[in-house]
Protein backbone atom coordinates (compact mmCIF):
# COMPACT_ATOMS: atom_id res chain seq x y z
CA MET A 1 0.00 0.00 0.00
CA ALA A 2 1.08 3.62 -0.51
CA VAL A 3 0.16 6.65 1.62
CA ASP A 4 1.07 10.32 1.69
CA PHE A 5 2.16 10.23 5.35
CA LEU A 6 3.10 7.23 7.47
CA ILE A 7 3.10 8.26 11.14
CA VAL A 8 5.03 5.86 13.35
CA GLY A 9 3.65 6.12 16.87
CA ALA A 10 0.28 7.33 18.11
CA GLY A 11 1.56 9.64 20.81
CA ILE A 12 -0.12 12.99 21.34
CA GLY A 13 2.00 14.62 18.62
CA GLY A 14 1.30 11.86 16.11
CA ALA A 15 -2.43 11.95 16.89
CA VAL A 16 -2.60 15.73 16.38
CA LEU A 17 -0.62 15.49 13.13
CA ALA A 18 -2.83 12.67 11.81
CA ASN A 19 -5.91 14.71 12.60
CA LEU A 20 -4.64 17.87 10.90
CA LEU A 21 -3.22 16.20 7.80
CA SER A 22 -6.21 13.97 7.17
CA ARG A 23 -8.48 17.02 7.43
CA ALA A 24 -6.32 18.61 4.73
CA GLY A 25 -7.05 15.70 2.40
CA LYS A 26 -3.79 13.77 2.88
CA ARG A 27 -3.87 9.99 3.01
CA VAL A 28 -2.48 9.14 6.44
CA LEU A 29 -1.67 5.82 8.08
CA VAL A 30 -0.82 5.67 11.79
CA LEU A 31 1.10 2.69 13.20
CA GLU A 32 0.89 2.00 16.92
CA ARG A 33 3.27 -0.56 18.43
CA ASP A 34 1.00 -1.49 21.35
CA ALA A 35 -2.30 -3.21 20.72
CA ALA A 36 -3.55 -2.55 24.27
CA PRO A 37 -3.63 0.68 26.31
CA PRO A 38 -0.25 1.49 27.93
CA ARG A 39 0.38 0.06 31.38
CA ILE A 40 2.19 3.18 32.55
CA ILE A 41 0.04 6.13 33.68
CA ARG A 42 2.11 9.30 33.32
CA PRO A 43 1.20 12.67 34.79
CA GLU A 44 0.52 15.03 31.89
CA VAL A 45 0.08 18.81 32.19
CA LEU A 46 -1.12 20.97 29.33
CA TRP A 47 -0.56 24.72 29.35
CA PRO A 48 -3.12 27.34 28.16
CA ALA A 49 -1.82 27.80 24.60
CA THR A 50 -1.98 24.04 24.04
CA VAL A 51 -5.52 23.70 25.39
CA GLN A 52 -6.69 26.68 23.32
CA PHE A 53 -5.35 24.97 20.20
CA LEU A 54 -6.98 21.62 21.03
CA GLU A 55 -10.28 23.44 21.46
CA THR A 56 -10.09 24.45 17.79
CA ILE A 57 -9.90 20.86 16.52
CA LEU A 58 -11.98 18.94 19.08
CA PRO A 59 -15.49 19.53 20.46
CA ARG A 60 -14.80 21.86 23.39
CA GLU A 61 -17.46 20.47 25.72
CA GLU A 62 -16.45 16.85 25.17
CA LEU A 63 -12.75 17.71 25.52
CA HIS A 64 -13.30 19.33 28.91
CA ASP A 65 -15.80 16.75 30.14
CA THR A 66 -13.70 13.69 29.40
CA ALA A 67 -10.03 14.55 28.83
CA LEU A 68 -9.10 17.70 30.77
CA LEU A 69 -9.24 18.81 34.38
CA ALA A 70 -8.52 22.41 35.37
CA LEU A 71 -6.09 22.32 38.29
CA ARG A 72 -7.18 24.48 41.21
CA GLY A 73 -3.85 24.56 42.95
CA LEU A 74 -0.63 22.98 44.13
CA GLN A 75 0.32 22.11 47.68
CA ILE A 76 3.81 21.21 48.91
CA ASN A 77 3.91 19.29 52.19
CA TYR A 78 6.81 18.81 54.59
CA LYS A 79 6.80 17.09 57.98
CA ASN A 80 3.05 16.48 58.01
CA SER A 81 2.04 20.06 57.19
CA ALA A 82 1.45 22.22 54.12
CA ARG A 83 4.36 24.59 53.51
CA VAL A 84 3.43 26.08 50.12
CA ARG A 85 0.01 26.60 48.58
CA VAL A 86 -0.50 27.84 45.05
CA SER A 87 -4.23 28.53 44.79
CA SER A 88 -6.61 28.95 41.88
CA GLY A 89 -6.51 32.65 42.72
CA SER A 90 -2.78 32.63 42.01
CA PHE A 91 -3.43 31.02 38.62
CA LYS A 92 -6.03 33.68 37.84
CA LYS A 93 -3.68 36.51 38.78
CA THR A 94 -1.02 35.20 36.41
CA GLY A 95 -3.51 34.38 33.68
CA ILE A 96 -2.10 30.85 33.58
CA GLN A 97 -4.45 27.90 34.02
CA PRO A 98 -2.69 24.52 34.01
CA TRP A 99 -4.72 21.49 32.96
CA SER A 100 -4.24 17.87 33.91
CA SER A 101 -4.79 15.74 30.83
CA HIS A 102 -6.05 12.21 30.43
CA GLY A 103 -3.53 11.62 27.65
CA SER A 104 -5.01 8.38 26.34
CA MET A 105 -8.46 9.91 26.10
CA THR A 106 -7.17 13.00 24.28
CA ARG A 107 -5.31 10.85 21.75
CA ALA A 108 -8.36 8.64 21.22
CA MET A 109 -10.55 11.67 20.53
CA LEU A 110 -8.05 13.05 18.02
CA LEU A 111 -7.74 9.77 16.14
CA GLU A 112 -11.48 9.04 16.16
CA ARG A 113 -12.08 12.33 14.39
CA ALA A 114 -9.20 11.93 11.95
CA ARG A 115 -9.92 10.71 8.44
CA CYS A 116 -6.99 8.32 8.58
CA GLU A 117 -6.20 4.62 8.88
CA ILE A 118 -4.81 3.18 12.12
CA GLU A 119 -3.04 -0.14 12.62
CA ARG A 120 -2.32 -1.26 16.18
CA GLY A 121 0.04 -3.98 17.30
CA VAL A 122 2.49 -3.19 14.48
CA GLU A 123 6.15 -2.23 14.82
CA VAL A 124 8.60 -0.69 12.37
CA ILE A 125 11.78 -2.71 11.94
CA GLY A 126 13.42 -0.64 9.21
CA LEU A 127 12.93 2.08 6.62
CA LEU A 128 12.67 1.73 2.85
CA LYS A 129 15.05 3.90 0.85
CA GLU A 130 15.50 4.73 -2.81
CA ALA A 131 18.36 6.89 -4.08
CA GLY A 132 19.04 8.09 -0.53
CA ARG A 133 15.43 9.08 0.15
CA VAL A 134 13.15 7.41 2.70
CA VAL A 135 10.12 6.01 0.85
CA GLY A 136 8.35 4.02 3.56
CA ALA A 137 8.93 1.35 6.17
CA ARG A 138 9.25 -2.38 6.76
CA VAL A 139 6.83 -3.52 9.46
CA ARG A 140 5.68 -6.65 11.24
CA PRO A 141 3.28 -7.56 14.06
CA THR A 142 4.67 -6.58 17.45
CA GLY A 143 6.57 -9.51 18.88
CA GLY A 144 7.20 -11.19 15.54
CA GLY A 145 5.45 -12.39 12.43
CA ALA A 146 5.44 -11.85 8.70
CA GLU A 147 7.11 -8.68 7.46
CA ARG A 148 5.61 -6.36 4.86
CA GLU A 149 6.40 -3.05 3.25
CA ILE A 150 4.45 0.21 3.37
CA SER A 151 5.28 2.90 0.83
CA ALA A 152 4.92 6.51 1.89
CA ARG A 153 5.81 9.89 0.48
CA TRP A 154 6.83 10.96 3.99
CA THR A 155 7.48 8.91 7.12
CA VAL A 156 7.07 10.71 10.45
CA GLY A 157 8.64 9.32 13.62
CA ASP A 158 6.71 9.92 16.83
CA ASP A 159 8.16 6.77 18.34
CA GLY A 160 9.85 8.07 21.47
CA GLY A 161 13.32 8.64 22.84
CA HIS A 162 14.61 5.37 21.34
CA SER A 163 13.07 6.10 17.94
CA VAL A 164 13.57 3.48 15.25
CA VAL A 165 12.83 6.09 12.59
CA ARG A 166 15.55 8.37 13.92
CA ARG A 167 18.05 5.54 14.16
CA GLU A 168 17.35 4.35 10.63
CA CYS A 169 17.83 7.91 9.35
CA GLY A 170 21.28 8.04 10.98
CA ILE A 171 20.30 11.03 13.14
CA GLU A 172 22.10 11.37 16.47
CA LEU A 173 20.40 12.04 19.81
CA GLN A 174 22.49 11.61 22.92
CA LEU A 175 20.31 10.75 25.90
CA HIS A 176 21.35 12.24 29.25
CA HIS A 177 19.81 10.35 32.14
CA LEU A 178 18.40 12.16 35.13
CA PRO A 179 20.08 10.88 38.32
CA MET A 180 16.65 10.11 39.78
CA ASP A 181 14.10 7.49 38.74
CA PRO A 182 10.37 7.68 39.46
CA LEU A 183 7.98 4.90 40.36
CA LEU A 184 4.64 5.58 38.66
CA PHE A 185 1.20 4.41 39.70
CA ALA A 186 -2.47 5.13 39.01
CA LEU A 187 -4.99 5.85 41.75
CA ASP A 188 -8.57 6.82 42.44
CA TRP A 189 -8.49 10.35 43.85
CA PRO A 190 -8.95 10.10 47.64
CA GLU A 191 -11.72 12.09 49.32
CA PHE A 192 -9.28 13.32 51.98
CA LEU A 193 -7.23 15.23 49.36
CA GLU A 194 -8.40 18.56 48.01
CA PRO A 195 -10.11 18.07 44.64
CA ALA A 196 -8.25 19.18 41.51
CA THR A 197 -5.17 20.08 43.58
CA ALA A 198 -1.78 18.53 42.92
CA GLN A 199 0.10 17.43 46.04
CA ILE A 200 3.83 17.03 46.71
CA TRP A 201 5.47 15.55 49.81
CA LEU A 202 9.16 16.07 50.59
CA ASN A 203 10.82 13.24 52.51
CA PRO A 204 12.39 14.63 55.71
CA HIS A 205 14.79 11.64 55.67
CA ARG A 206 15.66 11.97 51.97
CA ARG A 207 19.44 11.96 52.40
CA ARG A 208 19.53 8.72 54.37
CA SER A 209 16.74 6.89 52.55
CA ARG A 210 17.51 8.20 49.01
CA ILE A 211 13.77 8.58 48.45
CA TYR A 212 13.29 12.27 47.79
CA VAL A 213 9.73 13.18 47.00
CA MET A 214 6.28 11.85 46.21
CA GLY A 215 3.65 13.63 44.16
CA VAL A 216 0.12 12.99 42.96
CA ILE A 217 -1.82 14.89 40.34
CA PRO A 218 -5.58 14.57 39.83
CA ARG A 219 -6.85 13.47 36.43
CA PRO A 220 -10.29 13.66 34.81
CA GLY A 221 -12.90 11.18 35.98
CA GLY A 222 -11.93 11.13 39.66
CA THR A 223 -8.60 9.43 39.04
CA GLY A 224 -5.00 10.48 39.54
CA ALA A 225 -1.40 9.72 38.67
CA GLY A 226 1.32 9.35 41.26
CA LEU A 227 5.09 9.22 41.27
CA ILE A 228 7.74 8.53 43.89
CA VAL A 229 11.21 9.83 43.01
CA MET A 230 14.38 8.13 44.26
CA ARG A 231 18.02 7.48 43.50
CA PRO A 232 18.52 4.62 40.98
CA GLY A 233 20.78 2.63 43.32
CA LEU A 234 17.79 1.70 45.48
CA PHE A 235 16.52 -0.61 42.75
CA ASP A 236 19.47 -2.96 43.30
CA ASP A 237 17.73 -4.36 46.39
CA PRO A 238 13.90 -4.49 46.09
CA ALA A 239 13.51 -5.58 49.72
CA GLU A 240 15.51 -2.59 50.96
CA LEU A 241 13.59 -0.31 48.61
CA HIS A 242 10.30 -1.53 50.09
CA ARG A 243 11.56 -1.03 53.66
CA ARG A 244 12.66 2.54 53.00
CA LEU A 245 9.48 3.31 51.12
CA GLN A 246 7.43 2.17 54.12
CA GLN A 247 9.51 4.44 56.36
CA PHE A 248 8.82 7.38 54.07
CA LEU A 249 5.08 6.67 54.00
CA GLN A 250 4.98 6.96 57.79
CA THR A 251 6.12 10.60 57.64
CA ASP A 252 2.61 11.76 56.71
CA SER A 253 -0.61 10.09 57.81
CA ARG A 254 -2.14 10.41 54.33
CA LEU A 255 0.60 8.62 52.40
CA PRO A 256 -0.12 4.99 53.43
CA ASN A 257 -3.74 5.45 52.34
CA ILE A 258 -2.62 6.75 48.95
CA VAL A 259 0.00 4.13 48.14
CA GLY A 260 -1.83 1.28 49.88
CA SER A 261 -0.38 -2.19 49.31
CA ARG A 262 1.34 -1.33 46.02
CA ARG A 263 4.81 -2.78 45.60
CA PHE A 264 7.62 -2.58 43.08
CA PRO A 265 7.76 -4.00 40.42
CA ASP A 266 4.15 -5.25 40.14
CA ASP A 267 2.17 -2.12 41.00
CA LEU A 268 4.83 0.62 41.04
CA ILE A 269 6.38 0.98 37.59
CA ARG A 270 9.95 2.22 37.26
CA VAL A 271 10.73 4.70 34.48
CA ARG A 272 14.20 5.81 33.38
CA LEU A 273 14.21 9.55 32.72
CA GLY A 274 16.41 10.98 30.02
CA TRP A 275 16.61 14.02 27.79
CA GLY A 276 18.38 14.93 24.59
CA HIS A 277 17.99 16.93 21.39
CA ALA A 278 18.41 15.37 17.94
CA ASP A 279 21.02 17.03 15.74
CA ARG A 280 18.46 17.14 12.90
CA TYR A 281 14.67 16.91 12.67
CA GLY A 282 14.64 14.79 9.56
CA THR A 283 16.08 13.86 6.24
CA GLU A 284 14.70 13.44 2.72
CA GLY A 285 11.41 11.57 3.10
CA ALA A 286 11.43 11.39 6.93
CA LEU A 287 10.61 13.76 9.81
CA LEU A 288 10.76 13.60 13.61
CA ILE A 289 8.36 15.03 16.18
CA GLY A 290 7.92 14.77 19.95
CA ASP A 291 10.35 12.67 21.97
CA ALA A 292 11.83 11.23 18.78
CA ALA A 293 13.25 14.71 18.11
CA HIS A 294 13.68 15.96 21.68
CA ALA A 295 13.23 13.70 24.67
CA VAL A 296 12.61 15.61 27.91
CA THR A 297 12.05 14.87 31.59
CA PRO A 298 8.79 15.76 33.38
CA ALA A 299 10.43 18.96 34.71
CA GLY A 300 8.29 21.94 33.75
CA GLY A 301 5.58 19.85 32.11
CA GLN A 302 6.99 20.35 28.61
CA GLY A 303 6.77 17.01 26.79
CA ALA A 304 3.16 16.85 25.56
CA ASN A 305 3.08 20.60 24.88
CA MET A 306 6.24 20.40 22.75
CA ALA A 307 4.90 17.43 20.76
CA ILE A 308 1.60 19.18 20.02
CA ALA A 309 3.43 22.35 18.98
CA ASP A 310 5.66 20.26 16.67
CA ALA A 311 2.64 18.65 15.03
CA ARG A 312 0.86 21.96 14.59
CA VAL A 313 3.86 23.65 12.95
CA LEU A 314 4.68 20.64 10.76
CA ALA A 315 1.08 20.49 9.52
CA ASP A 316 1.21 24.23 8.74
CA VAL A 317 4.42 23.81 6.75
CA ILE A 318 3.05 20.80 4.84
CA ARG A 319 -0.21 22.55 3.98
CA ALA A 320 1.74 25.60 2.81
CA GLY A 321 3.48 23.41 0.23
CA GLU A 322 7.00 24.31 1.36
CA SER A 323 9.63 22.77 -0.91
CA GLN A 324 12.26 22.63 1.87
CA LEU A 325 9.97 20.84 4.31
CA VAL A 326 12.52 19.55 6.84
CA GLN A 327 14.47 22.80 6.96
CA LYS A 328 11.40 25.02 7.33
CA TYR A 329 9.89 22.85 10.06
CA GLU A 330 13.14 22.69 12.01
CA SER A 331 13.82 26.41 11.68
CA ARG A 332 10.49 27.14 13.37
CA ARG A 333 10.72 24.58 16.17
CA ARG A 334 14.36 24.12 17.21
CA ALA A 335 14.82 27.30 19.26
CA ALA A 336 11.59 26.77 21.20
CA ASN A 337 12.37 23.11 21.85
CA GLU A 338 15.88 24.01 23.01
CA ARG A 339 14.34 26.50 25.43
CA SER A 340 12.13 23.74 26.83
CA MET A 341 15.12 21.40 26.93
CA ASN A 342 16.93 23.80 29.25
CA ILE A 343 14.45 22.97 32.02
CA SER A 344 15.52 19.31 31.94
CA ARG A 345 19.15 20.37 31.60
CA TRP A 346 19.04 22.48 34.77
CA ALA A 347 17.08 19.82 36.66
CA THR A 348 19.83 17.31 35.84
CA ARG A 349 22.55 19.66 37.02
CA LEU A 350 20.75 20.33 40.28
CA LEU A 351 20.04 16.66 41.00
CA SER A 352 23.59 15.65 40.11
CA VAL A 353 24.91 17.57 43.11
CA PRO A 354 25.76 15.15 45.98
CA ASP A 355 22.95 14.41 48.45
CA PHE A 356 24.77 15.98 51.39
CA VAL A 357 24.64 19.29 49.52
CA THR A 358 21.16 19.20 47.98
CA ALA A 359 19.22 17.57 50.83
CA PRO A 360 19.46 20.52 53.27
CA PHE A 361 18.48 23.04 50.59
CA LEU A 362 15.17 21.45 49.55
CA PRO A 363 13.25 22.77 52.59
CA ALA A 364 14.96 26.12 52.14
CA GLY A 365 13.73 26.24 48.55
CA VAL A 366 10.21 25.46 49.71
CA TRP A 367 10.43 28.21 52.34
CA LEU A 368 11.58 30.74 49.77
CA ALA A 369 8.72 29.81 47.47
CA SER A 370 6.25 30.41 50.31
CA ARG A 371 7.76 33.78 51.23
CA PHE A 372 8.25 35.10 47.71
CA PRO A 373 5.25 34.08 45.59
CA GLY A 374 6.44 36.33 42.78
CA VAL A 375 9.21 33.83 42.08
CA THR A 376 6.61 31.08 41.65
CA THR A 377 4.60 33.35 39.36
CA ARG A 378 7.58 34.04 37.12
CA GLY A 379 8.37 30.35 37.02
CA LEU A 380 4.82 29.54 35.94
CA ARG A 381 4.93 32.10 33.16
CA SER A 382 8.23 30.74 31.93
CA VAL A 383 7.33 27.04 31.81
CA SER A 384 3.86 27.71 30.40
CA THR A 385 5.28 29.35 27.25
CA ALA A 386 8.79 27.89 26.84
CA PHE A 387 7.66 25.49 24.09
CA LEU A 388 6.08 28.24 21.97
CA GLU A 389 7.82 29.92 19.06
CA THR A 390 7.43 33.22 20.89
CA SER A 391 7.99 32.68 24.62
CA VAL A 392 7.19 35.04 27.50
């Protein structure tokens, strides 16, 4: 078969791109490696400019009813008490409303309304090339099976930080790993936590236990996503990890009721965090968006917003009929993506400092944030626009 655009990966960027291109009359095929919904539930924050754009391509009422939750605030807790509160009033004063997104639901809505074909449970194992140009991909069922070829005028990689499309194009992306790993878990939002309010708990024994922080963010439909951040060395001994985790949970009466009986690795899923920026966004016949072009950490809530901005710009360039497609797309997105990348870069530098230095300064940072709310306001404005071509 032959298509205009073969999109490898049905992440949020790929789903937006499929929606926009199919509306423009392009024949689009989306390949999704996983046949079932992902096991990992990741916290996902969308900033105002991203939500405003999604409202132009999806039914606004349905989007807000099923896939988005307006966050009312953020609370940072230390030693069984709230030390910092960012309220909905603070969001209103800054004009910045963060949204917690049900990522899977948003992607499903985008693809359901796209006039494109979707194949699930299919993986790309190589690219097809003619005279140095990418002209499609070799695919097979995930986990093995008969191979086949798909011809495409353009192949778009939205297949993550370890992108097959990027590798097959010979494009370099050096991944820098964050010296902390999170354990992720899904939860039903507890009645004893404030609704629509993200919560963070600092571990008062973080230096000794190497478990630093736990956070939960509410999601649409009365659910939530949680993460517990710790030094990677703890995973060498699961029994010791469990013991130290139980000690941490006793530092606040609410934590045992949130985590419950979950254990690593069955219920708490480890994720390796890394970031890096590809040296190019494509080659003749192939393009990269999202994490395939610029993997980021959760710092600053940039990932989904960057991917959507990539897809929007790429669709604009394609519909404009630009002859230098790769160059025009990259010229519009690289500076903004590099700005977003700096958030992960600085987070890595900070967390790479030895524990005996960083551990005492975490409460001090929380205290400063509570005493000088203007700093928090400036930070919100920065992260909420970093991914845009024109940032504040």
